[in-house]
Protein backbone atom coordinates (compact mmCIF):
# COMPACT_ATOMS: atom_id res chain seq x y z
CA MET A 1 -81.54 -64.28 67.20
CA THR A 2 -83.44 -63.44 64.07
CA ALA A 3 -85.06 -60.24 62.88
CA PRO A 4 -86.88 -59.42 59.64
CA VAL A 5 -85.40 -56.97 57.37
CA LEU A 6 -86.88 -55.44 54.16
CA THR A 7 -84.62 -54.90 51.17
CA CYS A 8 -84.94 -52.69 48.13
CA GLN A 9 -85.39 -55.03 45.10
CA GLU A 10 -83.83 -52.86 42.51
CA GLU A 11 -80.41 -52.33 44.26
CA GLY A 12 -80.31 -55.41 46.51
CA LEU A 13 -79.13 -53.33 49.37
CA PRO A 14 -80.79 -53.07 52.71
CA GLU A 15 -83.34 -50.33 52.79
CA LYS A 16 -83.64 -50.26 56.47
CA ILE A 17 -81.90 -52.45 59.10
CA GLU A 18 -83.57 -52.20 62.51
CA MET A 19 -81.59 -54.80 64.41
CA THR A 20 -77.84 -54.25 64.20
CA ALA A 21 -77.17 -54.66 67.95
CA PRO A 22 -80.29 -55.90 69.69
CA VAL A 23 -80.71 -55.11 73.36
CA LEU A 24 -81.83 -58.02 75.47
CA SER A 25 -83.36 -57.85 78.92
CA SER A 26 -82.20 -60.19 81.66
CA GLN A 27 -84.64 -62.43 83.53
CA GLU A 28 -84.77 -59.72 86.31
CA GLU A 29 -87.14 -57.03 85.34
CA GLY A 30 -85.68 -53.55 84.64
CA HIS A 31 -82.13 -54.83 83.94
CA ALA A 32 -81.05 -54.61 80.29
CA GLU A 33 -77.92 -56.28 78.74
CA LYS A 34 -76.56 -55.13 75.57
CA ILE A 35 -74.97 -57.84 73.54
CA SER A 36 -72.25 -56.89 71.21
CA MET A 37 -72.38 -57.88 67.61
CA THR A 38 -70.80 -61.22 66.77
CA ALA A 39 -69.48 -62.55 63.53
CA PRO A 40 -70.75 -63.80 61.33
CA VAL A 41 -74.07 -62.03 60.59
CA LEU A 42 -76.20 -64.40 58.62
CA THR A 43 -78.86 -63.29 56.16
CA GLU A 44 -81.38 -65.40 54.24
CA GLU A 45 -84.13 -64.38 51.79
CA LYS A 46 -87.53 -65.72 52.59
CA PRO A 47 -89.36 -66.91 49.53
CA ALA A 48 -92.52 -65.26 48.51
CA ASP A 49 -94.59 -68.50 48.63
CA GLY A 50 -93.38 -69.16 52.20
CA GLY A 51 -91.59 -72.40 51.16
CA SER A 52 -88.39 -73.14 49.40
CA GLY A 53 -89.53 -71.99 46.00
CA GLY A 54 -87.76 -69.49 43.76
CA GLY A 55 -90.18 -66.50 44.22
CA LYS A 56 -88.52 -63.40 45.65
CA SER A 57 -90.49 -61.74 48.55
CA GLY A 58 -88.06 -58.87 49.38
CA MET A 59 -88.13 -60.09 53.01
CA MET A 60 -84.81 -60.96 54.60
CA VAL A 61 -84.14 -62.61 57.96
CA MET A 62 -81.01 -61.42 59.71
CA GLN A 63 -79.54 -63.75 62.26
CA PHE A 64 -76.98 -63.00 64.88
CA VAL A 65 -74.86 -65.67 66.46
CA LEU A 66 -75.00 -65.31 70.27
CA PRO A 67 -71.70 -65.24 72.23
CA SER A 68 -70.38 -68.59 73.49
CA LYS A 69 -71.10 -67.57 77.10
CA TYR A 70 -74.74 -68.61 76.46
CA LYS A 71 -74.77 -72.39 76.71
CA CYS A 72 -78.56 -72.88 76.42
CA LEU A 73 -81.71 -70.98 75.66
CA ASP A 74 -82.46 -70.48 79.38
CA ASP A 75 -79.24 -68.47 79.85
CA VAL A 76 -80.24 -66.00 77.02
CA PRO A 77 -81.81 -62.77 78.15
CA ARG A 78 -85.29 -62.00 76.72
CA PRO A 79 -85.30 -59.54 73.74
CA THR A 80 -86.71 -56.13 74.39
CA ASP A 81 -87.94 -55.93 70.76
CA PRO A 82 -90.83 -58.21 69.98
CA ARG A 83 -89.60 -58.70 66.45
CA VAL A 84 -86.41 -60.43 67.78
CA ARG A 85 -86.86 -64.14 68.44
CA VAL A 86 -84.22 -66.27 70.15
CA LYS A 87 -84.05 -69.69 68.87
CA GLU A 88 -81.70 -72.75 68.86
CA VAL A 89 -80.60 -73.81 65.46
CA SER A 90 -80.01 -77.66 65.08
CA PRO A 91 -76.80 -78.77 63.49
CA ARG A 92 -76.83 -78.94 59.61
CA LYS A 93 -74.56 -79.79 56.82
CA TYR A 94 -73.64 -77.01 54.33
CA GLY A 95 -71.49 -76.54 51.26
CA VAL A 96 -69.65 -73.39 51.66
CA THR A 97 -67.51 -71.03 49.58
CA THR A 98 -65.63 -67.95 50.79
CA PHE A 99 -65.12 -64.70 48.91
CA SER A 100 -63.94 -61.16 49.50
CA GLY A 101 -65.43 -57.80 48.48
CA ILE A 102 -68.88 -56.32 48.83
CA ALA A 103 -71.58 -59.03 48.87
CA SER A 104 -73.81 -57.41 46.19
CA GLU A 105 -76.89 -59.36 45.20
CA LYS A 106 -75.31 -60.11 41.75
CA LEU A 107 -72.00 -61.38 43.27
CA VAL A 108 -73.82 -63.47 45.69
CA GLU A 109 -75.94 -65.07 42.96
CA VAL A 110 -72.78 -65.83 40.95
CA LYS A 111 -71.02 -67.46 44.04
CA VAL A 112 -74.20 -69.57 44.85
CA SER A 113 -74.42 -70.71 41.26
CA GLU A 114 -70.75 -71.73 41.13
CA LEU A 115 -71.04 -73.47 44.56
CA GLU A 116 -74.27 -75.37 43.60
CA LYS A 117 -72.65 -76.52 40.27
CA SER A 118 -69.52 -77.67 42.01
CA LEU A 119 -71.51 -79.57 44.60
CA HIS A 120 -73.79 -81.10 42.12
CA GLU A 121 -70.69 -82.39 40.08
CA ALA A 122 -69.23 -83.85 43.37
CA GLY A 123 -72.54 -85.75 43.97
CA TYR A 124 -74.10 -83.63 46.67
CA LYS A 125 -77.79 -82.77 46.68
CA VAL A 126 -78.70 -79.12 47.61
CA THR A 127 -81.86 -79.10 49.84
CA GLY A 128 -82.80 -75.44 50.23
CA ARG A 129 -81.86 -71.82 49.71
CA HIS A 130 -78.46 -70.18 50.45
CA VAL A 131 -77.38 -68.26 53.55
CA LEU A 132 -75.05 -65.32 53.23
CA ALA A 133 -72.51 -65.07 56.16
CA GLN A 134 -70.70 -61.61 56.56
CA TYR A 135 -67.77 -61.33 59.03
CA ASN A 136 -66.81 -57.64 58.85
CA PRO A 137 -68.37 -54.35 59.79
CA PRO A 138 -69.56 -52.17 56.85
CA TRP A 139 -66.54 -49.76 57.13
CA THR A 140 -64.06 -52.59 56.26
CA ILE A 141 -62.10 -52.06 53.02
CA PRO A 142 -63.87 -54.25 50.45
CA PHE A 143 -60.92 -56.48 49.46
CA LEU A 144 -60.30 -57.22 53.17
CA ARG A 145 -63.85 -58.41 53.73
CA LYS A 146 -64.72 -62.05 54.39
CA ASN A 147 -67.97 -63.36 53.13
CA GLU A 148 -69.37 -66.88 52.54
CA VAL A 149 -72.32 -68.39 50.88
CA MET A 150 -73.69 -71.48 52.37
CA VAL A 151 -76.06 -73.98 50.83
CA PRO A 152 -77.79 -76.74 52.82
CA LEU A 153 -77.06 -80.31 51.82
CA GLU A 154 -78.85 -83.57 52.21
C-alpha cells in the first residue's frame, strides 16, 4: 500500500503522517477490516521533476508491506481512503546497509553515500533513488532501532 506524506524540509521530519494504520474494507460492502502495521515501513522521496533526478519535492511516499496472508491483489480488501493505493511490486535487486538509531535525514544521506560508494567500488551500478526501511515503532529506544537504506541496482 502506498500513501503520500508531506515532510518539513528544514527538519526532515514528517510534518503530518495520515496513514499509519490504514483501514481497508472487504469486498463485501459495509464490512471493514483493520490491518495491523507490518515491518518494515518503507519511505521514498519523490523527486521534484517527477523522474529520478536530484530535485527535492518534499513529497514522500510511505509504503506498508501487507501481511503474508494476502497471496494476490484479489485477496486484499479495498482501501477506505482514496489516497491509499494497493499495488504489487515486482522483484528488484537492491544494495542494502543496516544501521541503528534515529533515521534523520542527515544520517540517511550519509548511509546512502557510503553504500553507493561501496557498491560502485564493487562494480555495481545504482539505477535510482534510495528507499528507507524502518522496522520499529517510534517509541523504540534509538540504539535498539533497526533501519536500512536500500538502493536499486542494475
